[in-house]
PDB file of all heavy atoms in Angstrom:
ATOM      1  N   TRP A   1     125.028 114.555 107.224  1.00  0.00           N
ATOM      2  CA  TRP A   1     123.671 114.083 107.479  1.00  0.00           C
ATOM      3  C   TRP A   1     123.738 112.750 108.215  1.00  0.00           C
ATOM      4  O   TRP A   1     124.426 111.829 107.797  1.00  0.00           O
ATOM      5  CB  TRP A   1     122.910 113.919 106.159  1.00  0.00           C
ATOM      6  CG  TRP A   1     121.479 113.574 106.381  1.00  0.00           C
ATOM      7  CD1 TRP A   1     120.923 112.327 106.394  1.00  0.00           C
ATOM      8  CD2 TRP A   1     120.409 114.482 106.648  1.00  0.00           C
ATOM      9  NE1 TRP A   1     119.578 112.399 106.652  1.00  0.00           N
ATOM     10  CE2 TRP A   1     119.228 113.703 106.808  1.00  0.00           C
ATOM     11  CE3 TRP A   1     120.332 115.869 106.765  1.00  0.00           C
ATOM     12  CZ2 TRP A   1     118.002 114.281 107.076  1.00  0.00           C
ATOM     13  CZ3 TRP A   1     119.093 116.447 107.030  1.00  0.00           C
ATOM     14  CH2 TRP A   1     117.945 115.653 107.178  1.00  0.00           C
ATOM     15  N   PRO A   2     123.019 112.634 109.332  1.00  0.00           N
ATOM     16  CA  PRO A   2     123.108 111.410 110.132  1.00  0.00           C
ATOM     17  C   PRO A   2     122.380 110.233 109.483  1.00  0.00           C
ATOM     18  O   PRO A   2     121.531 110.410 108.609  1.00  0.00           O
ATOM     19  CB  PRO A   2     122.428 111.817 111.443  1.00  0.00           C
ATOM     20  CG  PRO A   2     121.468 112.892 111.047  1.00  0.00           C
ATOM     21  CD  PRO A   2     122.139 113.647 109.937  1.00  0.00           C
ATOM     22  N   GLY A   3     122.717 109.054 109.917  1.00  0.00           N
ATOM     23  CA  GLY A   3     122.029 107.858 109.442  1.00  0.00           C
ATOM     24  C   GLY A   3     122.528 107.389 108.097  1.00  0.00           C
ATOM     25  O   GLY A   3     123.563 107.825 107.594  1.00  0.00           O
ATOM     26  N   HIS A   4     121.766 106.470 107.507  1.00  0.00           N
ATOM     27  CA  HIS A   4     122.168 105.829 106.247  1.00  0.00           C
ATOM     28  C   HIS A   4     121.436 106.399 105.033  1.00  0.00           C
ATOM     29  O   HIS A   4     121.549 105.850 103.934  1.00  0.00           O
ATOM     30  CB  HIS A   4     121.917 104.318 106.326  1.00  0.00           C
ATOM     31  CG  HIS A   4     122.692 103.648 107.424  1.00  0.00           C
ATOM     32  ND1 HIS A   4     124.054 103.469 107.358  1.00  0.00           N
ATOM     33  CD2 HIS A   4     122.284 103.136 108.611  1.00  0.00           C
ATOM     34  CE1 HIS A   4     124.468 102.860 108.460  1.00  0.00           C
ATOM     35  NE2 HIS A   4     123.420 102.649 109.240  1.00  0.00           N
ATOM     36  N   GLY A   5     120.675 107.492 105.227  1.00  0.00           N
ATOM     37  CA  GLY A   5     119.905 108.067 104.118  1.00  0.00           C
ATOM     38  C   GLY A   5     120.731 108.383 102.890  1.00  0.00           C
ATOM     39  O   GLY A   5     120.342 108.022 101.767  1.00  0.00           O
ATOM     40  N   PRO A   6     121.883 109.056 103.026  1.00  0.00           N
ATOM     41  CA  PRO A   6     122.684 109.372 101.839  1.00  0.00           C
ATOM     42  C   PRO A   6     123.119 108.133 101.060  1.00  0.00           C
ATOM     43  O   PRO A   6     123.042 108.105  99.826  1.00  0.00           O
ATOM     44  CB  PRO A   6     123.883 110.125 102.424  1.00  0.00           C
ATOM     45  CG  PRO A   6     123.351 110.746 103.667  1.00  0.00           C
ATOM     46  CD  PRO A   6     122.400 109.732 104.220  1.00  0.00           C
ATOM     47  N   LEU A   7     123.574 107.100 101.770  1.00  0.00           N
ATOM     48  CA  LEU A   7     124.008 105.880 101.099  1.00  0.00           C
ATOM     49  C   LEU A   7     122.840 105.191 100.408  1.00  0.00           C
ATOM     50  O   LEU A   7     122.948 104.738  99.256  1.00  0.00           O
ATOM     51  CB  LEU A   7     124.653 104.929 102.101  1.00  0.00           C
ATOM     52  CG  LEU A   7     125.130 103.583 101.538  1.00  0.00           C
ATOM     53  CD1 LEU A   7     126.172 103.792 100.450  1.00  0.00           C
ATOM     54  CD2 LEU A   7     125.670 102.692 102.649  1.00  0.00           C
ATOM     55  N   TYR A   8     121.695 105.134 101.090  1.00  0.00           N
ATOM     56  CA  TYR A   8     120.515 104.516 100.484  1.00  0.00           C
ATOM     57  C   TYR A   8     120.074 105.292  99.244  1.00  0.00           C
ATOM     58  O   TYR A   8     119.628 104.700  98.257  1.00  0.00           O
ATOM     59  CB  TYR A   8     119.367 104.462 101.492  1.00  0.00           C
ATOM     60  CG  TYR A   8     119.596 103.521 102.652  1.00  0.00           C
ATOM     61  CD1 TYR A   8     118.883 103.670 103.839  1.00  0.00           C
ATOM     62  CD2 TYR A   8     120.528 102.491 102.573  1.00  0.00           C
ATOM     63  CE1 TYR A   8     119.088 102.810 104.913  1.00  0.00           C
ATOM     64  CE2 TYR A   8     120.739 101.626 103.639  1.00  0.00           C
ATOM     65  CZ  TYR A   8     120.020 101.796 104.811  1.00  0.00           C
ATOM     66  OH  TYR A   8     120.227 100.952 105.875  1.00  0.00           O
ATOM     67  N   THR A   9     120.199 106.621  99.294  1.00  0.00           N
ATOM     68  CA  THR A   9     119.800 107.431  98.137  1.00  0.00           C
ATOM     69  C   THR A   9     120.716 107.162  96.952  1.00  0.00           C
ATOM     70  O   THR A   9     120.247 106.946  95.822  1.00  0.00           O
ATOM     71  CB  THR A   9     119.846 108.922  98.492  1.00  0.00           C
ATOM     72  OG1 THR A   9     118.989 109.167  99.612  1.00  0.00           O
ATOM     73  CG2 THR A   9     119.380 109.772  97.320  1.00  0.00           C
ATOM     74  N   GLY A  10     122.033 107.172  97.178  1.00  0.00           N
ATOM     75  CA  GLY A  10     122.965 106.894  96.093  1.00  0.00           C
ATOM     76  C   GLY A  10     122.763 105.512  95.516  1.00  0.00           C
ATOM     77  O   GLY A  10     122.738 105.322  94.282  1.00  0.00           O
ATOM     78  N   ALA A  11     122.590 104.499  96.399  1.00  0.00           N
ATOM     79  CA  ALA A  11     122.371 103.133  95.933  1.00  0.00           C
ATOM     80  C   ALA A  11     121.027 103.011  95.218  1.00  0.00           C
ATOM     81  O   ALA A  11     120.910 102.317  94.196  1.00  0.00           O
ATOM     82  CB  ALA A  11     122.434 102.163  97.108  1.00  0.00           C
ATOM     83  N   GLY A  12     120.014 103.702  95.735  1.00  0.00           N
ATOM     84  CA  GLY A  12     118.689 103.638  95.125  1.00  0.00           C
ATOM     85  C   GLY A  12     118.647 104.237  93.737  1.00  0.00           C
ATOM     86  O   GLY A  12     118.044 103.670  92.818  1.00  0.00           O
ATOM     87  N   VAL A  13     119.299 105.386  93.564  1.00  0.00           N
ATOM     88  CA  VAL A  13     119.338 106.006  92.237  1.00  0.00           C
ATOM     89  C   VAL A  13     120.126 105.133  91.266  1.00  0.00           C
ATOM     90  O   VAL A  13     119.728 104.947  90.110  1.00  0.00           O
ATOM     91  CB  VAL A  13     119.942 107.422  92.322  1.00  0.00           C
ATOM     92  CG1 VAL A  13     120.213 107.984  90.932  1.00  0.00           C
ATOM     93  CG2 VAL A  13     119.002 108.346  93.091  1.00  0.00           C
ATOM     94  N   GLY A  14     121.248 104.576  91.726  1.00  0.00           N
ATOM     95  CA  GLY A  14     122.009 103.676  90.863  1.00  0.00           C
ATOM     96  C   GLY A  14     121.186 102.470  90.451  1.00  0.00           C
ATOM     97  O   GLY A  14     121.188 102.068  89.279  1.00  0.00           O
ATOM     98  N   ALA A  15     120.452 101.875  91.401  1.00  0.00           N
ATOM     99  CA  ALA A  15     119.600 100.728  91.088  1.00  0.00           C
ATOM    100  C   ALA A  15     118.475 101.118  90.140  1.00  0.00           C
ATOM    101  O   ALA A  15     118.106 100.348  89.237  1.00  0.00           O
ATOM    102  CB  ALA A  15     119.031 100.141  92.377  1.00  0.00           C
ATOM    103  N   ALA A  16     117.924 102.327  90.314  1.00  0.00           N
ATOM    104  CA  ALA A  16     116.855 102.793  89.427  1.00  0.00           C
ATOM    105  C   ALA A  16     117.358 102.965  87.994  1.00  0.00           C
ATOM    106  O   ALA A  16     116.645 102.642  87.030  1.00  0.00           O
ATOM    107  CB  ALA A  16     116.285 104.107  89.948  1.00  0.00           C
ATOM    108  N   LEU A  17     118.585 103.478  87.839  1.00  0.00           N
ATOM    109  CA  LEU A  17     119.161 103.602  86.502  1.00  0.00           C
ATOM    110  C   LEU A  17     119.297 102.243  85.832  1.00  0.00           C
ATOM    111  O   LEU A  17     118.978 102.081  84.640  1.00  0.00           O
ATOM    112  CB  LEU A  17     120.529 104.284  86.585  1.00  0.00           C
ATOM    113  CG  LEU A  17     120.552 105.762  86.950  1.00  0.00           C
ATOM    114  CD1 LEU A  17     121.990 106.245  87.099  1.00  0.00           C
ATOM    115  CD2 LEU A  17     119.816 106.605  85.918  1.00  0.00           C
ATOM    116  N   LEU A  18     119.762 101.247  86.581  1.00  0.00           N
ATOM    117  CA  LEU A  18     119.903  99.892  86.034  1.00  0.00           C
ATOM    118  C   LEU A  18     118.546  99.297  85.687  1.00  0.00           C
ATOM    119  O   LEU A  18     118.371  98.707  84.605  1.00  0.00           O
ATOM    120  CB  LEU A  18     120.631  99.005  87.041  1.00  0.00           C
ATOM    121  CG  LEU A  18     122.132  99.253  87.203  1.00  0.00           C
ATOM    122  CD1 LEU A  18     122.651  98.547  88.449  1.00  0.00           C
ATOM    123  CD2 LEU A  18     122.893  98.763  85.973  1.00  0.00           C
ATOM    124  N   ALA A  19     117.574  99.459  86.580  1.00  0.00           N
ATOM    125  CA  ALA A  19     116.241  98.898  86.334  1.00  0.00           C
ATOM    126  C   ALA A  19     115.597  99.524  85.098  1.00  0.00           C
ATOM    127  O   ALA A  19     115.007  98.812  84.262  1.00  0.00           O
ATOM    128  CB  ALA A  19     115.365  99.111  87.568  1.00  0.00           C
ATOM    129  N   PHE A  20     115.722 100.844  84.972  1.00  0.00           N
ATOM    130  CA  PHE A  20     115.132 101.509  83.810  1.00  0.00           C
ATOM    131  C   PHE A  20     115.837 101.100  82.526  1.00  0.00           C
ATOM    132  O   PHE A  20     115.199 100.976  81.473  1.00  0.00           O
ATOM    133  CB  PHE A  20     115.185 103.023  83.981  1.00  0.00           C
ATOM    134  CG  PHE A  20     114.444 103.767  82.908  1.00  0.00           C
ATOM    135  CD1 PHE A  20     113.061 103.822  82.916  1.00  0.00           C
ATOM    136  CD2 PHE A  20     115.127 104.393  81.882  1.00  0.00           C
ATOM    137  CE1 PHE A  20     112.363 104.500  81.917  1.00  0.00           C
ATOM    138  CE2 PHE A  20     114.449 105.067  80.877  1.00  0.00           C
ATOM    139  CZ  PHE A  20     113.056 105.117  80.896  1.00  0.00           C
ATOM    140  N   PHE A  21     117.146 100.879  82.595  1.00  0.00           N
ATOM    141  CA  PHE A  21     117.882 100.440  81.406  1.00  0.00           C
ATOM    142  C   PHE A  21     117.331  99.109  80.899  1.00  0.00           C
ATOM    143  O   PHE A  21     117.067  98.944  79.693  1.00  0.00           O
ATOM    144  CB  PHE A  21     119.372 100.312  81.719  1.00  0.00           C
ATOM    145  CG  PHE A  21     120.153  99.620  80.640  1.00  0.00           C
ATOM    146  CD1 PHE A  21     120.508 100.299  79.477  1.00  0.00           C
ATOM    147  CD2 PHE A  21     120.513  98.283  80.770  1.00  0.00           C
ATOM    148  CE1 PHE A  21     121.217  99.658  78.475  1.00  0.00           C
ATOM    149  CE2 PHE A  21     121.221  97.644  79.765  1.00  0.00           C
ATOM    150  CZ  PHE A  21     121.570  98.330  78.612  1.00  0.00           C
ATOM    151  N   PHE A  22     117.150  98.147  81.801  1.00  0.00           N
ATOM    152  CA  PHE A  22     116.654  96.836  81.379  1.00  0.00           C
ATOM    153  C   PHE A  22     115.204  96.923  80.906  1.00  0.00           C
ATOM    154  O   PHE A  22     114.817  96.258  79.934  1.00  0.00           O
ATOM    155  CB  PHE A  22     116.777  95.832  82.524  1.00  0.00           C
ATOM    156  CG  PHE A  22     118.190  95.400  82.793  1.00  0.00           C
ATOM    157  CD1 PHE A  22     118.831  95.738  83.976  1.00  0.00           C
ATOM    158  CD2 PHE A  22     118.895  94.665  81.848  1.00  0.00           C
ATOM    159  CE1 PHE A  22     120.142  95.347  84.220  1.00  0.00           C
ATOM    160  CE2 PHE A  22     120.215  94.270  82.076  1.00  0.00           C
ATOM    161  CZ  PHE A  22     120.838  94.613  83.259  1.00  0.00           C
ATOM    162  N   PHE A  23     114.409  97.774  81.553  1.00  0.00           N
ATOM    163  CA  PHE A  23     113.015  97.948  81.122  1.00  0.00           C
ATOM    164  C   PHE A  23     112.957  98.569  79.730  1.00  0.00           C
ATOM    165  O   PHE A  23     112.219  98.097  78.858  1.00  0.00           O
ATOM    166  CB  PHE A  23     112.277  98.830  82.124  1.00  0.00           C
ATOM    167  CG  PHE A  23     110.874  99.170  81.713  1.00  0.00           C
ATOM    168  CD1 PHE A  23     109.873  98.217  81.756  1.00  0.00           C
ATOM    169  CD2 PHE A  23     110.557 100.450  81.267  1.00  0.00           C
ATOM    170  CE1 PHE A  23     108.571  98.528  81.365  1.00  0.00           C
ATOM    171  CE2 PHE A  23     109.272 100.772  80.872  1.00  0.00           C
ATOM    172  CZ  PHE A  23     108.273  99.803  80.923  1.00  0.00           C
ATOM    173  N   ALA A  24     113.755  99.619  79.518  1.00  0.00           N
ATOM    174  CA  ALA A  24     113.756 100.279  78.205  1.00  0.00           C
ATOM    175  C   ALA A  24     114.305  99.355  77.130  1.00  0.00           C
ATOM    176  O   ALA A  24     113.789  99.327  75.998  1.00  0.00           O
ATOM    177  CB  ALA A  24     114.582 101.564  78.271  1.00  0.00           C
ATOM    178  N   ALA A  25     115.337  98.579  77.455  1.00  0.00           N
ATOM    179  CA  ALA A  25     115.905  97.649  76.470  1.00  0.00           C
ATOM    180  C   ALA A  25     114.885  96.578  76.083  1.00  0.00           C
ATOM    181  O   ALA A  25     114.803  96.171  74.910  1.00  0.00           O
ATOM    182  CB  ALA A  25     117.166  97.005  77.037  1.00  0.00           C
ATOM    183  N   GLY A  26     114.083  96.141  77.056  1.00  0.00           N
ATOM    184  CA  GLY A  26     113.089  95.109  76.777  1.00  0.00           C
ATOM    185  C   GLY A  26     111.890  95.602  76.002  1.00  0.00           C
ATOM    186  O   GLY A  26     111.182  94.801  75.384  1.00  0.00           O
ATOM    187  N   THR A  27     111.644  96.906  76.013  1.00  0.00           N
ATOM    188  CA  THR A  27     110.468  97.462  75.327  1.00  0.00           C
ATOM    189  C   THR A  27     110.846  98.375  74.166  1.00  0.00           C
ATOM    190  O   THR A  27     109.966  99.016  73.578  1.00  0.00           O
ATOM    191  CB  THR A  27     109.612  98.256  76.333  1.00  0.00           C
ATOM    192  OG1 THR A  27     110.414  99.289  76.934  1.00  0.00           O
ATOM    193  CG2 THR A  27     109.069  97.347  77.419  1.00  0.00           C
ATOM    194  N   GLN A  28     112.136  98.425  73.832  1.00  0.00           N
ATOM    195  CA  GLN A  28     112.585  99.345  72.786  1.00  0.00           C
ATOM    196  C   GLN A  28     111.931  99.061  71.435  1.00  0.00           C
ATOM    197  O   GLN A  28     111.734  99.956  70.627  1.00  0.00           O
ATOM    198  CB  GLN A  28     114.114  99.272  72.649  1.00  0.00           C
ATOM    199  CG  GLN A  28     114.712 100.254  71.650  1.00  0.00           C
ATOM    200  CD  GLN A  28     114.465 101.713  72.030  1.00  0.00           C
ATOM    201  OE1 GLN A  28     114.538 102.081  73.203  1.00  0.00           O
ATOM    202  NE2 GLN A  28     114.168 102.542  71.045  1.00  0.00           N
ATOM    203  N   GLY A  29     111.572  97.803  71.215  1.00  0.00           N
ATOM    204  CA  GLY A  29     110.940  97.463  69.937  1.00  0.00           C
ATOM    205  C   GLY A  29     109.579  98.102  69.755  1.00  0.00           C
ATOM    206  O   GLY A  29     109.140  98.322  68.623  1.00  0.00           O
ATOM    207  N   THR A  30     108.891  98.404  70.842  1.00  0.00           N
ATOM    208  CA  THR A  30     107.548  98.991  70.751  1.00  0.00           C
ATOM    209  C   THR A  30     107.474 100.419  71.281  1.00  0.00           C
ATOM    210  O   THR A  30     106.533 101.143  70.957  1.00  0.00           O
ATOM    211  CB  THR A  30     106.546  98.133  71.541  1.00  0.00           C
ATOM    212  OG1 THR A  30     106.998  97.997  72.901  1.00  0.00           O
ATOM    213  CG2 THR A  30     106.434  96.748  70.917  1.00  0.00           C
ATOM    214  N   VAL A  31     108.435 100.810  72.102  1.00  0.00           N
ATOM    215  CA  VAL A  31     108.429 102.158  72.690  1.00  0.00           C
ATOM    216  C   VAL A  31     109.705 102.891  72.258  1.00  0.00           C
ATOM    217  O   VAL A  31     110.811 102.423  72.555  1.00  0.00           O
ATOM    218  CB  VAL A  31     108.363 102.103  74.233  1.00  0.00           C
ATOM    219  CG1 VAL A  31     108.323 103.521  74.807  1.00  0.00           C
ATOM    220  CG2 VAL A  31     107.156 101.288  74.692  1.00  0.00           C
ATOM    221  N   PRO A  32     109.595 104.016  71.561  1.00  0.00           N
ATOM    222  CA  PRO A  32     110.777 104.731  71.062  1.00  0.00           C
ATOM    223  C   PRO A  32     111.442 105.596  72.142  1.00  0.00           C
ATOM    224  O   PRO A  32     111.421 106.832  72.082  1.00  0.00           O
ATOM    225  CB  PRO A  32     110.214 105.575  69.920  1.00  0.00           C
ATOM    226  CG  PRO A  32     108.818 105.886  70.366  1.00  0.00           C
ATOM    227  CD  PRO A  32     108.345 104.654  71.104  1.00  0.00           C
ATOM    228  N   TRP A  33     112.030 104.965  73.130  1.00  0.00           N
ATOM    229  CA  TRP A  33     112.608 105.698  74.258  1.00  0.00           C
ATOM    230  C   TRP A  33     113.674 106.693  73.803  1.00  0.00           C
ATOM    231  O   TRP A  33     113.659 107.862  74.209  1.00  0.00           O
ATOM    232  CB  TRP A  33     113.217 104.730  75.258  1.00  0.00           C
ATOM    233  CG  TRP A  33     112.252 103.800  75.910  1.00  0.00           C
ATOM    234  CD1 TRP A  33     112.054 102.482  75.634  1.00  0.00           C
ATOM    235  CD2 TRP A  33     111.319 104.120  76.947  1.00  0.00           C
ATOM    236  NE1 TRP A  33     111.074 101.950  76.437  1.00  0.00           N
ATOM    237  CE2 TRP A  33     110.609 102.938  77.259  1.00  0.00           C
ATOM    238  CE3 TRP A  33     111.026 105.284  77.664  1.00  0.00           C
ATOM    239  CZ2 TRP A  33     109.624 102.885  78.240  1.00  0.00           C
ATOM    240  CZ3 TRP A  33     110.052 105.230  78.648  1.00  0.00           C
ATOM    241  CH2 TRP A  33     109.354 104.058  78.920  1.00  0.00           C
ATOM    242  N   LEU A  34     114.604 106.236  73.005  1.00  0.00           N
ATOM    243  CA  LEU A  34     115.706 107.108  72.589  1.00  0.00           C
ATOM    244  C   LEU A  34     115.200 108.259  71.731  1.00  0.00           C
ATOM    245  O   LEU A  34     115.652 109.402  71.859  1.00  0.00           O
ATOM    246  CB  LEU A  34     116.756 106.299  71.831  1.00  0.00           C
ATOM    247  CG  LEU A  34     117.538 105.283  72.657  1.00  0.00           C
ATOM    248  CD1 LEU A  34     118.459 104.453  71.753  1.00  0.00           C
ATOM    249  CD2 LEU A  34     118.367 105.979  73.725  1.00  0.00           C
ATOM    250  N   GLU A  35     114.269 107.959  70.841  1.00  0.00           N
ATOM    251  CA  GLU A  35     113.726 109.010  69.968  1.00  0.00           C
ATOM    252  C   GLU A  35     113.019 110.092  70.767  1.00  0.00           C
ATOM    253  O   GLU A  35     113.157 111.287  70.480  1.00  0.00           O
ATOM    254  CB  GLU A  35     112.756 108.383  68.963  1.00  0.00           C
ATOM    255  CG  GLU A  35     112.100 109.388  68.033  1.00  0.00           C
ATOM    256  CD  GLU A  35     111.069 108.736  67.133  1.00  0.00           C
ATOM    257  OE1 GLU A  35     111.118 107.500  66.957  1.00  0.00           O
ATOM    258  OE2 GLU A  35     110.200 109.464  66.612  1.00  0.00           O
ATOM    259  N   ARG A  36     112.292 109.698  71.806  1.00  0.00           N
ATOM    260  CA  ARG A  36     111.511 110.663  72.579  1.00  0.00           C
ATOM    261  C   ARG A  36     112.297 111.318  73.720  1.00  0.00           C
ATOM    262  O   ARG A  36     111.937 112.422  74.142  1.00  0.00           O
ATOM    263  CB  ARG A  36     110.283 109.955  73.169  1.00  0.00           C
ATOM    264  CG  ARG A  36     109.282 109.459  72.134  1.00  0.00           C
ATOM    265  CD  ARG A  36     108.687 110.603  71.339  1.00  0.00           C
ATOM    266  NE  ARG A  36     107.659 110.170  70.428  1.00  0.00           N
ATOM    267  CZ  ARG A  36     106.360 110.159  70.707  1.00  0.00           C
ATOM    268  NH1 ARG A  36     105.955 110.567  71.898  1.00  0.00           N
ATOM    269  NH2 ARG A  36     105.488 109.741  69.826  1.00  0.00           N
ATOM    270  N   GLY A  37     113.351 110.642  74.212  1.00  0.00           N
ATOM    271  CA  GLY A  37     113.977 111.145  75.425  1.00  0.00           C
ATOM    272  C   GLY A  37     115.416 111.590  75.340  1.00  0.00           C
ATOM    273  O   GLY A  37     115.949 112.143  76.317  1.00  0.00           O
ATOM    274  N   SER A  38     116.085 111.376  74.210  1.00  0.00           N
ATOM    275  CA  SER A  38     117.504 111.733  74.128  1.00  0.00           C
ATOM    276  C   SER A  38     117.693 113.245  74.141  1.00  0.00           C
ATOM    277  O   SER A  38     116.784 114.013  73.810  1.00  0.00           O
ATOM    278  CB  SER A  38     118.120 111.139  72.864  1.00  0.00           C
ATOM    279  OG  SER A  38     117.486 111.674  71.714  1.00  0.00           O
ATOM    280  N   ALA A  39     118.891 113.666  74.515  1.00  0.00           N
ATOM    281  CA  ALA A  39     119.207 115.103  74.586  1.00  0.00           C
ATOM    282  C   ALA A  39     119.636 115.586  73.208  1.00  0.00           C
ATOM    283  O   ALA A  39     120.821 115.784  72.939  1.00  0.00           O
ATOM    284  CB  ALA A  39     120.296 115.358  75.612  1.00  0.00           C
ATOM    285  N   SER A  40     118.671 115.771  72.339  1.00  0.00           N
ATOM    286  CA  SER A  40     118.923 116.319  71.013  1.00  0.00           C
ATOM    287  C   SER A  40     119.071 117.838  71.134  1.00  0.00           C
ATOM    288  O   SER A  40     118.136 118.525  71.554  1.00  0.00           O
ATOM    289  CB  SER A  40     117.763 115.979  70.063  1.00  0.00           C
ATOM    290  OG  SER A  40     117.812 116.765  68.899  1.00  0.00           O
TER     291      SER A  40
END
């Protein structure tokens, strides 16, 4: 695939995982992320 799209996609998804981790960690006291979203 031409251009930088693949690299931007990989970097973007990695950054999104990090951002969501910090958001979930900061709100874990009020939002049960693990309880509602884990692969039980």
